[in-house]
Amino acid sequence: MSTDYQIVFCSCPDKETAEKISYLLIENNVAACVNIVPNMTSIYRWQGEIERAEECLLLIKARQDAYPHLETLIKKHHPYELPEIIAVPIERGLPDYLHWIDSCHSFN
């Protein structure tokens, strides 16, 4: 199976931000689907301190060649100084679903 597809993880501080970024990605044809997972607790180190935050997680399904545009959009509209943007290749998937991802992309 091809690795032309990816899931991108992005944490957001609240549902409003998560929805805003999700709509931007879909409207700009760089993602086929974005799932918003609410009520996630993140514990992390930031600037030497251990932090805890309630966040939402975006699971973004997209073509790998859309990544540069996807990253640019997230960075431009994300409130975090250093947003989490991590892409993981999809090694396998239902062929019809992967073809659907293809049909949702028409970026420049």
C-alpha atoms as a PDB file:
ATOM      1  CA  MET A   1       0.000   0.000   0.000  1.00  0.00           C
ATOM      2  CA  SER A   2       1.222   3.488  -0.808  1.00  0.00           C
ATOM      3  CA  THR A   3       2.277   5.976   1.841  1.00  0.00           C
ATOM      4  CA  ASP A   4       0.827   8.957  -0.030  1.00  0.00           C
ATOM      5  CA  TYR A   5      -1.411   9.624   2.977  1.00  0.00           C
ATOM      6  CA  GLN A   6      -0.860  10.878   6.497  1.00  0.00           C
ATOM      7  CA  ILE A   7      -2.512  11.597   9.798  1.00  0.00           C
ATOM      8  CA  VAL A   8      -1.396  14.864  11.332  1.00  0.00           C
ATOM      9  CA  PHE A   9      -1.781  15.393  15.073  1.00  0.00           C
ATOM     10  CA  CYS A  10      -2.313  18.919  16.372  1.00  0.00           C
ATOM     11  CA  SER A  11      -3.329  19.887  19.899  1.00  0.00           C
ATOM     12  CA  CYS A  12      -5.460  22.995  20.441  1.00  0.00           C
ATOM     13  CA  PRO A  13      -6.232  24.938  23.616  1.00  0.00           C
ATOM     14  CA  ASP A  14     -10.017  24.797  23.195  1.00  0.00           C
ATOM     15  CA  LYS A  15     -12.859  23.621  20.991  1.00  0.00           C
ATOM     16  CA  GLU A  16     -13.260  27.016  19.309  1.00  0.00           C
ATOM     17  CA  THR A  17      -9.642  26.972  18.092  1.00  0.00           C
ATOM     18  CA  ALA A  18      -9.930  23.312  17.077  1.00  0.00           C
ATOM     19  CA  GLU A  19     -13.025  24.005  14.982  1.00  0.00           C
ATOM     20  CA  LYS A  20     -11.526  27.144  13.413  1.00  0.00           C
ATOM     21  CA  ILE A  21      -8.401  25.294  12.282  1.00  0.00           C
ATOM     22  CA  SER A  22     -10.421  22.272  11.132  1.00  0.00           C
ATOM     23  CA  TYR A  23     -12.665  24.391   8.918  1.00  0.00           C
ATOM     24  CA  LEU A  24      -9.655  26.247   7.472  1.00  0.00           C
ATOM     25  CA  LEU A  25      -7.978  22.976   6.504  1.00  0.00           C
ATOM     26  CA  ILE A  26     -11.133  21.599   4.880  1.00  0.00           C
ATOM     27  CA  GLU A  27     -12.046  24.883   3.140  1.00  0.00           C
ATOM     28  CA  ASN A  28      -8.513  25.131   1.705  1.00  0.00           C
ATOM     29  CA  ASN A  29      -8.662  21.530   0.422  1.00  0.00           C
ATOM     30  CA  VAL A  30      -5.542  20.399   2.288  1.00  0.00           C
ATOM     31  CA  ALA A  31      -7.359  17.870   4.471  1.00  0.00           C
ATOM     32  CA  ALA A  32     -10.151  15.433   3.729  1.00  0.00           C
ATOM     33  CA  CYS A  33     -11.328  15.001   7.319  1.00  0.00           C
ATOM     34  CA  VAL A  34     -10.472  16.373  10.736  1.00  0.00           C
ATOM     35  CA  ASN A  35     -11.626  14.646  13.902  1.00  0.00           C
ATOM     36  CA  ILE A  36     -11.717  16.739  17.062  1.00  0.00           C
ATOM     37  CA  VAL A  37     -11.055  14.728  20.206  1.00  0.00           C
ATOM     38  CA  PRO A  38     -12.203  16.846  23.174  1.00  0.00           C
ATOM     39  CA  ASN A  39     -11.204  16.761  26.822  1.00  0.00           C
ATOM     40  CA  MET A  40      -7.608  15.665  26.434  1.00  0.00           C
ATOM     41  CA  THR A  41      -5.244  16.338  29.322  1.00  0.00           C
ATOM     42  CA  SER A  42      -1.679  17.173  28.322  1.00  0.00           C
ATOM     43  CA  ILE A  43       1.239  17.137  30.737  1.00  0.00           C
ATOM     44  CA  TYR A  44       4.455  18.488  29.272  1.00  0.00           C
ATOM     45  CA  ARG A  45       7.623  20.420  29.963  1.00  0.00           C
ATOM     46  CA  TRP A  46       7.667  24.019  28.713  1.00  0.00           C
ATOM     47  CA  GLN A  47      10.424  26.521  29.401  1.00  0.00           C
ATOM     48  CA  GLY A  48      11.789  24.402  32.252  1.00  0.00           C
ATOM     49  CA  GLU A  49       8.466  23.933  34.034  1.00  0.00           C
ATOM     50  CA  ILE A  50       6.064  21.005  34.073  1.00  0.00           C
ATOM     51  CA  GLU A  51       2.726  22.195  32.727  1.00  0.00           C
ATOM     52  CA  ARG A  52      -0.773  20.723  32.604  1.00  0.00           C
ATOM     53  CA  ALA A  53      -3.443  21.806  30.146  1.00  0.00           C
ATOM     54  CA  GLU A  54      -6.875  20.697  28.983  1.00  0.00           C
ATOM     55  CA  GLU A  55      -6.812  20.561  25.192  1.00  0.00           C
ATOM     56  CA  CYS A  56      -8.523  19.190  22.110  1.00  0.00           C
ATOM     57  CA  LEU A  57      -6.639  16.953  19.691  1.00  0.00           C
ATOM     58  CA  LEU A  58      -7.045  17.222  15.939  1.00  0.00           C
ATOM     59  CA  LEU A  59      -6.638  14.046  13.877  1.00  0.00           C
ATOM     60  CA  ILE A  60      -6.155  15.364  10.360  1.00  0.00           C
ATOM     61  CA  LYS A  61      -6.360  12.980   7.392  1.00  0.00           C
ATOM     62  CA  ALA A  62      -4.574  14.326   4.337  1.00  0.00           C
ATOM     63  CA  ARG A  63      -2.285  13.567   1.429  1.00  0.00           C
ATOM     64  CA  GLN A  64       1.403  13.833   2.228  1.00  0.00           C
ATOM     65  CA  ASP A  65       1.965  16.333  -0.576  1.00  0.00           C
ATOM     66  CA  ALA A  66      -0.468  18.680   1.207  1.00  0.00           C
ATOM     67  CA  TYR A  67       1.729  18.854   4.302  1.00  0.00           C
ATOM     68  CA  PRO A  68       3.594  22.130   3.552  1.00  0.00           C
ATOM     69  CA  HIS A  69       0.345  24.038   2.968  1.00  0.00           C
ATOM     70  CA  LEU A  70      -1.327  22.325   5.936  1.00  0.00           C
ATOM     71  CA  GLU A  71       1.563  23.248   8.250  1.00  0.00           C
ATOM     72  CA  THR A  72       1.558  26.859   7.056  1.00  0.00           C
ATOM     73  CA  LEU A  73      -2.178  27.236   7.701  1.00  0.00           C
ATOM     74  CA  ILE A  74      -1.956  25.743  11.175  1.00  0.00           C
ATOM     75  CA  LYS A  75       1.040  27.881  12.173  1.00  0.00           C
ATOM     76  CA  LYS A  76      -0.647  31.046  10.868  1.00  0.00           C
ATOM     77  CA  HIS A  77      -3.892  30.479  12.798  1.00  0.00           C
ATOM     78  CA  HIS A  78      -2.751  28.610  15.918  1.00  0.00           C
ATOM     79  CA  PRO A  79      -2.460  30.592  19.166  1.00  0.00           C
ATOM     80  CA  TYR A  80       0.437  28.554  20.583  1.00  0.00           C
ATOM     81  CA  GLU A  81       3.980  29.865  20.245  1.00  0.00           C
ATOM     82  CA  LEU A  82       5.033  26.312  19.326  1.00  0.00           C
ATOM     83  CA  PRO A  83       2.053  24.265  18.104  1.00  0.00           C
ATOM     84  CA  GLU A  84       2.188  20.493  17.985  1.00  0.00           C
ATOM     85  CA  ILE A  85       2.158  19.489  14.305  1.00  0.00           C
ATOM     86  CA  ILE A  86       3.233  15.865  13.864  1.00  0.00           C
ATOM     87  CA  ALA A  87       2.627  13.892  10.675  1.00  0.00           C
ATOM     88  CA  VAL A  88       2.538  10.101  10.634  1.00  0.00           C
ATOM     89  CA  PRO A  89       2.295   8.163   7.359  1.00  0.00           C
ATOM     90  CA  ILE A  90      -0.692   5.919   6.782  1.00  0.00           C
ATOM     91  CA  GLU A  91       0.827   2.594   5.786  1.00  0.00           C
ATOM     92  CA  ARG A  92      -2.468   0.858   5.039  1.00  0.00           C
ATOM     93  CA  GLY A  93      -6.075   1.792   4.699  1.00  0.00           C
ATOM     94  CA  LEU A  94      -9.312   0.895   3.010  1.00  0.00           C
ATOM     95  CA  PRO A  95      -8.581   1.691  -0.662  1.00  0.00           C
ATOM     96  CA  ASP A  96     -11.943   3.412  -1.170  1.00  0.00           C
ATOM     97  CA  TYR A  97     -11.279   5.650   1.859  1.00  0.00           C
ATOM     98  CA  LEU A  98      -7.805   6.547   0.573  1.00  0.00           C
ATOM     99  CA  HIS A  99      -9.271   7.378  -2.851  1.00  0.00           C
ATOM    100  CA  TRP A 100     -11.779   9.604  -1.080  1.00  0.00           C
ATOM    101  CA  ILE A 101      -8.879  11.482   0.567  1.00  0.00           C
ATOM    102  CA  ASP A 102      -7.466  12.019  -2.937  1.00  0.00           C
ATOM    103  CA  SER A 103     -10.785  13.410  -4.149  1.00  0.00           C
ATOM    104  CA  CYS A 104     -10.815  16.066  -1.408  1.00  0.00           C
ATOM    105  CA  HIS A 105      -7.514  17.696  -2.372  1.00  0.00           C
ATOM    106  CA  SER A 106      -7.176  20.472  -4.900  1.00  0.00           C
ATOM    107  CA  PHE A 107      -4.650  22.876  -3.410  1.00  0.00           C
ATOM    108  CA  ASN A 108      -1.932  24.789  -5.243  1.00  0.00           C
END
